[in-house]
Protein backbone atom coordinates (compact mmCIF):
# COMPACT_ATOMS: atom_id res chain seq x y z
CA UNK A 1 18.97 45.39 -13.93
CA UNK A 2 17.94 45.70 -10.29
CA UNK A 3 17.99 48.90 -9.11
CA UNK A 4 20.73 48.53 -6.73
CA UNK A 5 22.67 47.38 -9.28
CA UNK A 6 21.85 50.74 -11.52
CA UNK A 7 22.88 52.84 -8.42
CA UNK A 8 26.36 51.17 -8.13
CA UNK A 9 27.17 51.14 -11.99
CA UNK A 10 26.42 54.82 -11.61
CA UNK A 11 28.44 55.42 -8.76
CA UNK A 12 31.53 53.32 -10.20
CA UNK A 13 31.29 55.54 -13.45
CA UNK A 14 31.29 58.35 -11.07
CA UNK A 15 34.23 57.80 -9.15
CA UNK A 16 35.96 56.87 -12.37
CA UNK A 17 35.30 60.57 -13.42
CA UNK A 18 36.50 62.19 -10.42
CA UNK A 19 40.30 60.22 -10.00
CA UNK A 20 43.08 61.49 -7.82
CA UNK A 21 45.83 62.53 -10.19
CA UNK A 22 48.15 62.49 -7.25
CA UNK A 23 47.66 58.88 -7.11
CA UNK A 24 48.06 58.71 -10.74
CA UNK A 25 50.92 59.74 -10.78
CA UNK A 26 52.64 57.49 -8.33
CA UNK A 27 51.50 54.57 -10.10
CA UNK A 28 52.95 55.66 -13.47
CA UNK A 29 56.13 55.96 -12.16
CA UNK A 30 58.71 53.18 -13.55
CA UNK A 31 62.18 51.96 -14.10
CA UNK A 32 63.21 51.05 -17.69
CA UNK A 33 65.62 48.39 -18.60
CA UNK A 34 66.47 49.27 -21.90
CA UNK A 35 65.20 52.85 -22.47
CA UNK A 36 66.35 54.44 -18.92
CA UNK A 37 70.25 54.21 -19.92
CA UNK A 38 68.84 56.32 -23.29
CA UNK A 39 66.74 58.86 -21.67
CA UNK A 40 70.16 61.01 -20.65
CA UNK A 41 71.08 61.69 -24.62
CA UNK A 42 67.90 61.08 -26.08
CA UNK A 43 65.09 64.66 -26.15
CA UNK A 44 61.80 62.98 -24.70
CA UNK A 45 59.42 62.75 -27.22
CA UNK A 46 56.31 64.70 -25.66
CA UNK A 47 53.43 62.18 -24.79
CA UNK A 48 51.09 64.19 -26.80
CA UNK A 49 52.65 62.66 -29.74
CA UNK A 50 51.72 58.71 -28.86
CA UNK A 51 48.11 58.10 -28.76
CA UNK A 52 47.07 54.89 -27.74
CA UNK A 53 43.71 52.43 -28.67
CA UNK A 54 42.96 49.30 -26.56
CA UNK A 55 41.41 46.60 -27.78
CA UNK A 56 38.88 44.84 -24.97
CA UNK A 57 36.92 41.04 -26.34
CA UNK A 58 34.12 40.09 -23.99
CA UNK A 59 31.64 37.16 -23.91
CA UNK A 60 29.12 37.55 -20.97
CA UNK A 61 27.75 34.06 -20.10
CA UNK A 62 26.99 34.92 -16.05
CA UNK A 63 26.49 37.67 -14.05
CA UNK A 64 29.75 37.57 -12.50
CA UNK A 65 31.40 37.97 -15.85
CA UNK A 66 29.25 40.95 -16.24
CA UNK A 67 30.55 42.51 -12.91
CA UNK A 68 33.97 41.78 -14.28
CA UNK A 69 33.44 43.66 -17.35
CA UNK A 70 32.15 46.90 -15.23
CA UNK A 71 35.06 47.16 -13.15
CA UNK A 72 37.65 46.47 -15.93
CA UNK A 73 35.72 49.57 -17.76
CA UNK A 74 35.45 51.83 -15.05
CA UNK A 75 39.30 51.07 -14.72
CA UNK A 76 39.69 52.14 -18.72
CA UNK A 77 37.67 55.07 -17.63
CA UNK A 78 40.67 56.44 -15.18
CA UNK A 79 43.58 56.42 -17.38
CA UNK A 80 45.89 59.90 -17.20
CA UNK A 81 46.65 59.34 -20.71
CA UNK A 82 43.28 59.13 -22.69
CA UNK A 83 42.95 56.08 -24.45
CA UNK A 84 40.12 55.13 -27.42
CA UNK A 85 38.64 51.87 -25.95
CA UNK A 86 37.60 48.89 -29.02
CA UNK A 87 35.28 46.66 -27.41
CA UNK A 88 33.90 43.23 -29.12
CA UNK A 89 31.70 41.09 -27.13
CA UNK A 90 28.46 38.70 -26.93
CA UNK A 91 26.66 37.64 -24.36
CA UNK A 92 23.81 35.48 -23.55
CA UNK A 93 20.38 36.55 -23.93
CA UNK A 94 19.16 36.92 -20.57
CA UNK A 95 22.29 39.51 -19.88
CA UNK A 96 22.36 41.47 -23.33
CA UNK A 97 20.30 44.52 -21.79
CA UNK A 98 22.60 44.59 -18.54
CA UNK A 99 25.69 44.63 -20.76
CA UNK A 100 24.27 47.06 -22.99
CA UNK A 101 23.71 49.57 -19.95
CA UNK A 102 27.23 49.25 -18.75
CA UNK A 103 28.77 49.83 -21.95
CA UNK A 104 26.33 53.16 -22.84
CA UNK A 105 27.15 54.28 -19.25
CA UNK A 106 31.15 53.65 -20.06
CA UNK A 107 30.48 55.57 -23.69
CA UNK A 108 29.63 58.57 -21.78
CA UNK A 109 32.25 58.25 -19.06
CA UNK A 110 34.58 57.43 -21.02
CA UNK A 111 37.43 60.89 -22.12
CA UNK A 112 37.41 59.59 -25.86
CA UNK A 113 34.55 57.82 -27.40
CA UNK A 114 34.94 54.26 -27.33
CA UNK A 115 33.80 51.57 -30.74
CA UNK A 116 31.73 48.74 -29.51
CA UNK A 117 31.31 46.19 -31.91
CA UNK A 118 27.95 43.70 -30.86
CA UNK A 119 28.81 40.66 -32.55
CA UNK A 120 25.87 38.17 -33.48
CA UNK A 121 27.30 35.26 -32.34
CA UNK A 122 29.79 34.06 -29.79
CA UNK A 123 33.25 34.07 -31.00
CA UNK A 124 37.09 33.58 -30.17
CA UNK A 125 38.97 36.32 -28.01
CA UNK A 126 41.29 36.90 -31.54
CA UNK A 127 38.39 36.92 -33.91
CA UNK A 128 36.69 39.86 -31.69
CA UNK A 129 40.33 41.47 -31.99
CA UNK A 130 40.80 40.85 -35.67
CA UNK A 131 37.31 42.69 -36.46
CA UNK A 132 38.13 45.43 -33.88
CA UNK A 133 41.42 46.26 -35.44
CA UNK A 134 39.55 46.48 -39.18
CA UNK A 135 37.96 49.37 -37.24
CA UNK A 136 41.34 50.96 -35.90
CA UNK A 137 42.69 50.65 -39.75
CA UNK A 138 39.37 52.25 -40.79
CA UNK A 139 39.69 55.05 -38.21
CA UNK A 140 43.42 55.49 -39.24
CA UNK A 141 42.55 55.89 -42.94
CA UNK A 142 40.32 58.72 -41.81
CA UNK A 143 42.75 60.60 -39.57
CA UNK A 144 42.09 59.67 -36.05
CA UNK A 145 44.81 57.15 -35.37
CA UNK A 146 48.22 56.92 -36.89
CA UNK A 147 51.68 55.26 -36.81
CA UNK A 148 52.18 56.90 -33.58
CA UNK A 149 49.46 54.87 -32.43
CA UNK A 150 49.94 51.82 -30.21
CA UNK A 151 47.61 49.23 -29.19
CA UNK A 152 46.94 48.20 -25.50
CA UNK A 153 44.92 44.80 -24.81
CA UNK A 154 42.95 43.92 -21.49
CA UNK A 155 41.10 40.33 -20.69
CA UNK A 156 37.54 41.62 -19.64
CA UNK A 157 38.03 40.63 -15.88
CA UNK A 158 41.15 42.31 -15.33
CA UNK A 159 41.82 45.91 -14.03
CA UNK A 160 44.39 48.75 -15.60
CA UNK A 161 46.19 50.96 -12.95
CA UNK A 162 45.11 54.72 -13.68
CA UNK A 163 48.52 55.44 -14.97
CA UNK A 164 49.37 52.42 -17.11
CA UNK A 165 48.72 54.42 -20.07
CA UNK A 166 51.28 57.00 -18.85
CA UNK A 167 53.93 54.81 -18.20
CA UNK A 168 54.04 53.54 -21.66
CA UNK A 169 53.76 56.75 -23.20
CA UNK A 170 56.68 57.31 -20.94
CA UNK A 171 58.59 54.50 -22.38
CA UNK A 172 58.16 55.50 -25.47
CA UNK A 173 59.02 58.76 -25.31
CA UNK A 174 62.76 58.25 -25.02
CA UNK A 175 62.87 56.06 -28.13
CA UNK A 176 62.17 56.56 -31.66
CA UNK A 177 58.81 55.02 -31.35
CA UNK A 178 59.88 51.14 -31.55
CA UNK A 179 57.51 48.40 -32.78
CA UNK A 180 56.32 47.31 -29.50
CA UNK A 181 57.32 47.96 -25.85
CA UNK A 182 56.70 45.25 -23.02
CA UNK A 183 55.92 45.98 -19.18
CA UNK A 184 57.49 42.68 -17.99
CA UNK A 185 54.96 42.04 -14.61
CA UNK A 186 51.28 42.25 -13.08
CA UNK A 187 49.87 41.97 -10.13
CA UNK A 188 48.34 38.65 -9.24
CA UNK A 189 46.45 37.05 -6.01
CA UNK A 190 48.93 35.02 -3.97
CA UNK A 191 48.08 31.36 -3.86
CA UNK A 192 45.49 30.84 -1.17
CA UNK A 193 42.11 30.56 -0.20
CA UNK A 194 41.67 33.99 1.40
CA UNK A 195 43.00 35.74 -1.62
CA UNK A 196 40.91 34.00 -4.19
CA UNK A 197 37.65 34.84 -2.31
CA UNK A 198 38.56 38.29 -1.56
CA UNK A 199 36.89 40.86 -3.71
CA UNK A 200 38.85 43.29 -5.46
CA UNK A 201 35.86 46.19 -6.83
CA UNK A 202 39.17 48.78 -8.01
CA UNK A 203 42.38 49.90 -8.04
CA UNK A 204 42.27 51.17 -4.59
CA UNK A 205 41.05 47.94 -3.27
CA UNK A 206 43.87 46.13 -5.21
CA UNK A 207 46.25 48.39 -4.03
CA UNK A 208 45.26 47.58 0.11
CA UNK A 209 45.54 43.63 -0.82
CA UNK A 210 49.07 44.11 -2.10
CA UNK A 211 50.24 46.29 0.83
CA UNK A 212 48.81 43.32 3.24
CA UNK A 213 50.16 40.99 0.64
CA UNK A 214 46.95 39.24 -0.47
CA UNK A 215 48.16 40.05 -3.82
CA UNK A 216 51.76 40.29 -5.36
CA UNK A 217 53.52 41.92 -8.10
CA UNK A 218 55.26 39.23 -10.14
CA UNK A 219 56.85 38.81 -13.77
CA UNK A 220 54.73 37.22 -16.27
CA UNK A 221 54.61 36.17 -19.72
CA UNK A 222 51.59 37.63 -21.49
CA UNK A 223 49.99 39.42 -24.49
CA UNK A 224 48.31 41.94 -22.83
CA UNK A 225 51.89 43.03 -21.08
CA UNK A 226 52.93 44.95 -24.62
CA UNK A 227 51.91 48.07 -25.91
CA UNK A 228 52.31 47.33 -30.17
CA UNK A 229 52.52 50.03 -33.00
CA UNK A 230 49.70 50.31 -35.53
CA UNK A 231 51.63 49.61 -38.56
CA UNK A 232 53.17 46.44 -36.72
CA UNK A 233 49.81 45.09 -35.20
CA UNK A 234 48.12 45.13 -39.09
CA UNK A 235 51.58 43.12 -40.30
CA UNK A 236 50.25 40.05 -37.67
CA UNK A 237 46.57 40.41 -38.35
CA UNK A 238 47.63 40.36 -42.36
CA UNK A 239 49.45 37.15 -42.11
CA UNK A 240 47.70 35.01 -39.80
CA UNK A 241 44.24 32.95 -41.33
CA UNK A 242 41.31 33.34 -40.23
CA UNK A 243 41.26 29.64 -38.23
CA UNK A 244 44.23 30.62 -36.23
CA UNK A 245 42.82 33.73 -35.09
CA UNK A 246 39.57 31.31 -34.38
CA UNK A 247 41.84 28.74 -32.43
CA UNK A 248 41.47 28.90 -28.57
CA UNK A 249 45.73 29.29 -28.30
CA UNK A 250 46.02 32.42 -30.62
CA UNK A 251 47.01 34.14 -28.00
CA UNK A 252 50.20 32.13 -27.75
CA UNK A 253 51.09 32.37 -31.21
CA UNK A 254 50.87 36.04 -30.37
CA UNK A 255 52.85 36.51 -27.87
CA UNK A 256 55.59 34.45 -29.05
CA UNK A 257 55.59 36.88 -32.55
CA UNK A 258 55.65 39.74 -29.86
CA UNK A 259 58.64 38.59 -28.23
CA UNK A 260 60.05 37.53 -31.21
CA UNK A 261 59.14 41.10 -32.73
CA UNK A 262 60.81 42.74 -29.19
CA UNK A 263 63.96 40.92 -29.20
CA UNK A 264 64.51 41.28 -33.41
CA UNK A 265 64.27 44.94 -32.48
CA UNK A 266 65.92 45.13 -29.22
CA UNK A 267 62.50 47.38 -28.39
CA UNK A 268 62.08 48.51 -25.00
CA UNK A 269 61.04 46.50 -21.83
CA UNK A 270 60.48 47.64 -18.09
CA UNK A 271 59.53 46.71 -14.29
CA UNK A 272 57.51 49.48 -12.91
CA UNK A 273 57.71 50.19 -9.43
CA UNK A 274 53.96 50.23 -8.75
CA UNK A 275 51.62 47.58 -10.40
CA UNK A 276 49.98 48.52 -13.74
CA UNK A 277 47.60 45.81 -14.63
CA UNK A 278 46.10 43.71 -12.53
CA UNK A 279 45.30 39.76 -14.20
CA UNK A 280 42.77 38.36 -11.74
CA UNK A 281 44.32 35.18 -11.70
CA UNK A 282 46.64 32.99 -9.14
CA UNK A 283 50.08 31.96 -10.09
CA UNK A 284 49.07 28.56 -9.79
CA UNK A 285 46.00 28.92 -12.03
CA UNK A 286 48.00 30.88 -14.53
CA UNK A 287 50.61 27.85 -14.86
CA UNK A 288 47.72 25.14 -16.56
CA UNK A 289 46.05 28.14 -17.83
CA UNK A 290 46.18 26.46 -21.48
CA UNK A 291 44.97 22.78 -20.24
CA UNK A 292 41.85 22.89 -21.32
CA UNK A 293 38.46 20.84 -20.90
CA UNK A 294 39.44 17.63 -23.14
CA UNK A 295 37.50 16.83 -26.23
CA UNK A 296 34.77 14.85 -26.66
CA UNK A 297 36.89 12.55 -28.90
CA UNK A 298 39.83 12.40 -26.56
CA UNK A 299 37.10 11.68 -23.35
CA UNK A 300 35.74 8.39 -25.79
CA UNK A 301 39.80 7.85 -26.47
CA UNK A 302 40.63 7.39 -22.78
CA UNK A 303 37.71 5.16 -22.25
CA UNK A 304 38.77 3.12 -24.95
CA UNK A 305 41.88 2.45 -24.51
CA UNK A 306 41.39 2.81 -20.88
CA UNK A 307 43.82 4.79 -19.64
CA UNK A 308 43.64 8.55 -18.02
CA UNK A 309 41.82 11.18 -19.59
CA UNK A 310 43.87 13.89 -18.05
CA UNK A 311 46.98 12.57 -20.21
CA UNK A 312 45.24 12.60 -23.09
CA UNK A 313 43.91 16.34 -22.78
CA UNK A 314 47.70 17.61 -22.01
CA UNK A 315 48.57 15.18 -24.92
CA UNK A 316 46.49 17.12 -27.26
CA UNK A 317 46.83 20.83 -25.48
CA UNK A 318 50.77 20.04 -26.09
CA UNK A 319 50.28 19.13 -29.38
CA UNK A 320 48.20 21.73 -30.65
CA UNK A 321 50.20 24.13 -29.04
CA UNK A 322 53.13 22.65 -30.63
CA UNK A 323 51.14 23.99 -34.39
CA UNK A 324 49.72 26.90 -33.12
CA UNK A 325 53.43 28.45 -31.71
CA UNK A 326 55.89 26.68 -34.09
CA UNK A 327 53.71 28.34 -36.96
CA UNK A 328 57.00 27.59 -39.46
CA UNK A 329 57.92 24.10 -37.74
CA UNK A 330 57.94 20.54 -39.35
CA UNK A 331 54.22 19.98 -39.05
CA UNK A 332 53.71 23.14 -41.68
CA UNK A 333 56.34 22.26 -43.93
CA UNK A 334 54.76 20.48 -46.63
CA UNK A 335 57.12 20.43 -48.88
CA UNK A 336 58.48 17.24 -46.26
CA UNK A 337 57.88 14.08 -46.73
CA UNK A 338 54.71 12.81 -45.10
CA UNK A 339 56.35 10.45 -42.83
CA UNK A 340 58.71 13.16 -41.24
CA UNK A 341 55.87 15.61 -40.72
CA UNK A 342 54.41 12.36 -38.87
CA UNK A 343 57.42 11.55 -37.11
CA UNK A 344 57.91 15.25 -35.71
CA UNK A 345 54.03 14.88 -34.35
CA UNK A 346 54.45 11.20 -32.75
CA UNK A 347 57.64 12.88 -31.17
CA UNK A 348 55.76 16.02 -29.93
CA UNK A 349 53.29 13.95 -28.54
CA UNK A 350 55.09 11.22 -26.96
CA UNK A 351 57.17 13.61 -24.85
CA UNK A 352 54.24 14.47 -22.87
CA UNK A 353 54.96 11.37 -21.33
CA UNK A 354 58.10 12.04 -20.42
CA UNK A 355 58.06 15.80 -19.27
CA UNK A 356 57.68 16.82 -16.23
CA UNK A 357 57.37 13.17 -15.01
CA UNK A 358 59.26 10.04 -16.96
CA UNK A 359 55.82 8.45 -16.95
CA UNK A 360 57.21 6.64 -20.35
CA UNK A 361 60.23 4.60 -17.96
CA UNK A 362 57.69 3.03 -15.76
CA UNK A 363 55.19 1.48 -18.19
CA UNK A 364 55.12 -1.81 -19.66
CA UNK A 365 55.42 -2.60 -23.39
CA UNK A 366 51.94 -3.35 -23.93
CA UNK A 367 51.21 0.21 -21.74
CA UNK A 368 54.06 2.01 -24.55
CA UNK A 369 51.94 0.12 -27.58
CA UNK A 370 48.96 1.84 -26.43
CA UNK A 371 50.09 4.97 -26.22
CA UNK A 372 51.72 4.94 -29.39
CA UNK A 373 48.65 4.10 -31.11
CA UNK A 374 46.93 6.98 -29.36
CA UNK A 375 49.63 9.13 -30.23
CA UNK A 376 49.49 7.74 -33.79
CA UNK A 377 45.33 8.97 -34.03
CA UNK A 378 46.16 11.96 -32.71
CA UNK A 379 49.19 13.02 -34.88
CA UNK A 380 46.97 12.59 -37.90
CA UNK A 381 44.57 14.83 -36.48
CA UNK A 382 46.91 17.44 -35.81
CA UNK A 383 48.59 17.84 -39.37
CA UNK A 384 45.50 18.12 -40.53
CA UNK A 385 45.11 21.16 -37.99
CA UNK A 386 48.19 22.18 -39.42
CA UNK A 387 47.07 22.11 -42.95
CA UNK A 388 44.06 24.05 -42.32
CA UNK A 389 45.43 27.02 -40.04
CA UNK A 390 48.26 27.12 -42.28
CA UNK A 391 45.97 29.02 -45.44
CA UNK A 392 47.79 32.26 -44.80
CA UNK A 393 46.05 35.47 -46.05
CA UNK A 394 47.98 37.19 -49.11
């Protein structure tokens, strides 16, 4: 790491340790949908009774990602309510020493000693999370965490406002420790070139970007909006297979599971006046976040049938979402006849040709037959995938 880079990292963590408490209190003020009405009758739980951990997974493959990781962990040092951070990481060999130095400085600056686990090989985000959660559970058995502990999450290229943990603590203090609590908004970049190119190094820069309209606070639906009670999160990891956790869409399954838990228990949600989390995307990118690169088999399939590769990619992504999110749906219903599972898969895949545009009605009979053949091949692959991820842990 260069001398300039070392000086920048040292200054970043020094700034984190001298956080302005008045600014922190401003950022943590919020309103709630469910909890505010109860606050007059319900005795407020002291913040000290609620503790927090945070899971963070990082895969550093280039220098820009390392800079984002620095920014992320500096923001976690500035939390007004202390939080213990669990980090699972991996990097390319050339950046390994630089990542270690950043994380060492973070360990020294953090108010609570973090737990940092280097993976021997590249892992998915939720594979990291599963290993880190085992560390949290071990700490709970040793007395350093309890079921008044709540877990937060962060992507390694995003930023937490100084009052993030305090805002959740205030909401949780108004209730009998619900299974989850959800912040419904986040700060994001506007959909224009100047917003995309703007370098936002810290929370102060994000405040300025919001003030001048380069960034906006808006409604989003992501798993990192939730604080999840420790015993509830243990149920999630215990109830899902390693194959599902390794899938690129595991975050969608987790988000759906959290939403269902919140709805079932009428758990609190809140919409802060100030931002708590900066999701370093714009809303256009966010809407297409799960349309991934095409697999080799699908590229070859598009070439073989002479069809648009993006449509094949979208069909694959929608199909896999249907398997991962619809975890208890017909594709996993082993008691169903095979033909019913196949029909469910075909219906799911062919629906992509009618939504959001009705491409199907404009096709010739020959084109429809081509797409039916593509869907038939892909349906068999989806059923095989469904059988693999359905192996639940006991």
